[in-house]
Structure formats: C-alpha cells, structure tokens
C-alpha atoms as a PDB file:
ATOM      1  CA  MET A   1     133.651 116.773  73.469  1.00  0.00           C
ATOM      2  CA  ALA A   2     130.537 114.277  73.799  1.00  0.00           C
ATOM      3  CA  THR A   3     126.754 115.211  73.315  1.00  0.00           C
ATOM      4  CA  ARG A   4     124.621 114.428  75.722  1.00  0.00           C
ATOM      5  CA  THR A   5     121.137 112.964  74.478  1.00  0.00           C
ATOM      6  CA  GLN A   6     117.945 113.898  75.550  1.00  0.00           C
ATOM      7  CA  PRO A   7     115.120 111.643  76.478  1.00  0.00           C
ATOM      8  CA  ALA A   8     112.930 110.988  73.467  1.00  0.00           C
ATOM      9  CA  HIS A   9     109.852 113.682  74.438  1.00  0.00           C
ATOM     10  CA  HIS A  10     106.725 112.190  72.502  1.00  0.00           C
ATOM     11  CA  HIS A  11     105.137 115.498  71.709  1.00  0.00           C
ATOM     12  CA  GLY A  12     105.904 116.510  75.326  1.00  0.00           C
ATOM     13  CA  ILE A  13     104.758 113.766  77.232  1.00  0.00           C
ATOM     14  CA  LEU A  14     108.404 113.881  79.546  1.00  0.00           C
ATOM     15  CA  ARG A  15     109.290 116.693  81.222  1.00  0.00           C
ATOM     16  CA  ARG A  16     111.739 117.475  83.863  1.00  0.00           C
ATOM     17  CA  ASP A  17     110.411 117.580  87.294  1.00  0.00           C
ATOM     18  CA  PRO A  18     111.650 120.875  88.961  1.00  0.00           C
ATOM     19  CA  ARG A  19     112.384 119.234  92.244  1.00  0.00           C
ATOM     20  CA  THR A  20     114.273 116.357  91.257  1.00  0.00           C
ATOM     21  CA  GLY A  21     115.701 117.349  88.174  1.00  0.00           C
ATOM     22  CA  ARG A  22     114.685 113.916  86.820  1.00  0.00           C
ATOM     23  CA  PHE A  23     112.157 113.368  83.244  1.00  0.00           C
ATOM     24  CA  VAL A  24     108.727 112.275  83.931  1.00  0.00           C
ATOM     25  CA  LYS A  25     105.916 111.011  82.075  1.00  0.00           C
ATOM     26  CA  ILE A  26     103.179 113.485  81.783  1.00  0.00           C
ATOM     27  CA  TYR A  27      99.011 112.901  82.129  1.00  0.00           C
ATOM     28  CA  THR A  28      96.088 114.278  81.664  1.00  0.00           C
ATOM     29  CA  LEU A  29      93.707 115.020  84.069  1.00  0.00           C
ATOM     30  CA  SER A  30      90.170 116.494  82.877  1.00  0.00           C
ATOM     31  CA  TYR A  31      86.803 116.849  84.363  1.00  0.00           C
ATOM     32  CA  THR A  32      83.577 118.625  83.946  1.00  0.00           C
ATOM     33  CA  SER A  33      81.913 121.643  86.241  1.00  0.00           C
ATOM     34  CA  GLU A  34      79.434 123.682  85.941  1.00  0.00           C
ATOM     35  CA  HIS A  35      81.831 126.039  84.435  1.00  0.00           C
ATOM     36  CA  GLY A  36      82.887 123.665  81.371  1.00  0.00           C
ATOM     37  CA  THR A  37      85.611 121.699  80.588  1.00  0.00           C
ATOM     38  CA  HIS A  38      88.591 121.573  82.462  1.00  0.00           C
ATOM     39  CA  THR A  39      92.032 119.585  81.248  1.00  0.00           C
ATOM     40  CA  ARG A  40      95.563 119.592  82.731  1.00  0.00           C
ATOM     41  CA  THR A  41      98.781 118.536  82.163  1.00  0.00           C
ATOM     42  CA  LEU A  42     100.777 116.554  85.209  1.00  0.00           C
ATOM     43  CA  PRO A  43     103.368 113.905  86.475  1.00  0.00           C
ATOM     44  CA  ALA A  44     101.938 111.659  88.226  1.00  0.00           C
ATOM     45  CA  ARG A  45     102.964 113.507  91.584  1.00  0.00           C
ATOM     46  CA  GLY A  46     100.392 116.082  90.247  1.00  0.00           C
ATOM     47  CA  ILE A  47      97.786 113.876  89.414  1.00  0.00           C
ATOM     48  CA  GLN A  48      97.745 112.734  92.837  1.00  0.00           C
ATOM     49  CA  THR A  49      97.647 116.351  94.370  1.00  0.00           C
ATOM     50  CA  ILE A  50      95.090 117.400  92.191  1.00  0.00           C
ATOM     51  CA  GLY A  51      93.321 114.377  91.947  1.00  0.00           C
ATOM     52  CA  ARG A  52      92.361 114.511  95.614  1.00  0.00           C
ATOM     53  CA  LEU A  53      90.376 117.838  95.019  1.00  0.00           C
ATOM     54  CA  VAL A  54      88.804 117.215  92.201  1.00  0.00           C
ATOM     55  CA  ASN A  55      87.669 113.542  93.683  1.00  0.00           C
ATOM     56  CA  ARG A  56      86.529 115.701  96.722  1.00  0.00           C
ATOM     57  CA  LEU A  57      84.318 117.507  94.346  1.00  0.00           C
ATOM     58  CA  GLY A  58      83.199 114.796  92.519  1.00  0.00           C
ATOM     59  CA  GLU A  59      81.931 113.990  96.061  1.00  0.00           C
ATOM     60  CA  ARG A  60      79.976 116.906  96.573  1.00  0.00           C
ATOM     61  CA  GLY A  61      78.444 116.761  92.878  1.00  0.00           C
ATOM     62  CA  GLU A  62      80.768 119.596  91.724  1.00  0.00           C
ATOM     63  CA  VAL A  63      82.776 117.873  89.239  1.00  0.00           C
ATOM     64  CA  TRP A  64      81.709 114.679  87.124  1.00  0.00           C
ATOM     65  CA  ASP A  65      83.122 113.154  84.265  1.00  0.00           C
ATOM     66  CA  ILE A  66      86.640 112.894  85.630  1.00  0.00           C
ATOM     67  CA  SER A  67      89.176 111.382  83.599  1.00  0.00           C
ATOM     68  CA  VAL A  68      93.367 110.726  83.558  1.00  0.00           C
ATOM     69  CA  THR A  69      94.639 109.461  80.512  1.00  0.00           C
ATOM     70  CA  ASP A  70      98.183 108.388  79.812  1.00  0.00           C
ATOM     71  CA  ARG A  71     100.119 109.481  76.218  1.00  0.00           C
ATOM     72  CA  ASN A  72      98.313 107.506  73.992  1.00  0.00           C
ATOM     73  CA  GLY A  73      95.018 108.407  75.292  1.00  0.00           C
ATOM     74  CA  HIS A  74      94.332 105.711  77.585  1.00  0.00           C
ATOM     75  CA  ASP A  75      92.305 105.430  80.121  1.00  0.00           C
ATOM     76  CA  VAL A  76      94.761 105.399  83.420  1.00  0.00           C
ATOM     77  CA  THR A  77      92.046 106.564  86.254  1.00  0.00           C
ATOM     78  CA  PHE A  78      92.217 104.390  88.502  1.00  0.00           C
ATOM     79  CA  ASP A  79      96.080 103.888  88.538  1.00  0.00           C
ATOM     80  CA  PHE A  80      96.136 106.965  91.114  1.00  0.00           C
ATOM     81  CA  THR A  81      95.379 105.939  94.266  1.00  0.00           C
ATOM     82  CA  CYS A  82      93.092 109.262  95.022  1.00  0.00           C
ATOM     83  CA  PHE A  83      90.410 107.860  92.415  1.00  0.00           C
ATOM     84  CA  THR A  84      90.347 104.402  93.916  1.00  0.00           C
END
C-alpha cells in the first residue's frame, strides 16, 4: 500500500479548507482598536470576508493599523481587494 504524502505545513501555514477539502495558504490579519490589538489567522477567503468589515470599521475610525502578512511576514494587505 502506497503512503500518501501531505503538503508541507510550514508551521501551520497551509490548512485544509473545510468547504473544498483543499490545502490553502493562511494569512495573518492584524488591527488595533480601543480594546487592543487583534490578530486573526485566516485563508484568503476569510481575509476578504473579515477584511471588508475591518476596512469599514477603519473608515469610521473604530480600528487602525490594519495589516495582512504572509507566512514570511511580508505585508500583503493591498493584495486583497477589500483593502484597495
């Protein structure tokens, strides 16, 4: 019986998407509010969904210092349409 090889997880960077069953890249969304700094680790689809809300809160001045980083810590915020 052949063994199946799993994709490299790079310290939790790839996760299986529950909707598609595929492995997807994970990004980190960070922002600050009056309650402190908030960090969410999400796939691109989640960044787009939560990012729209966070961006609207930013436009109202309720959150600031919004950023999205990839696994290497590079800023990829403006790679997502919800922030452009």
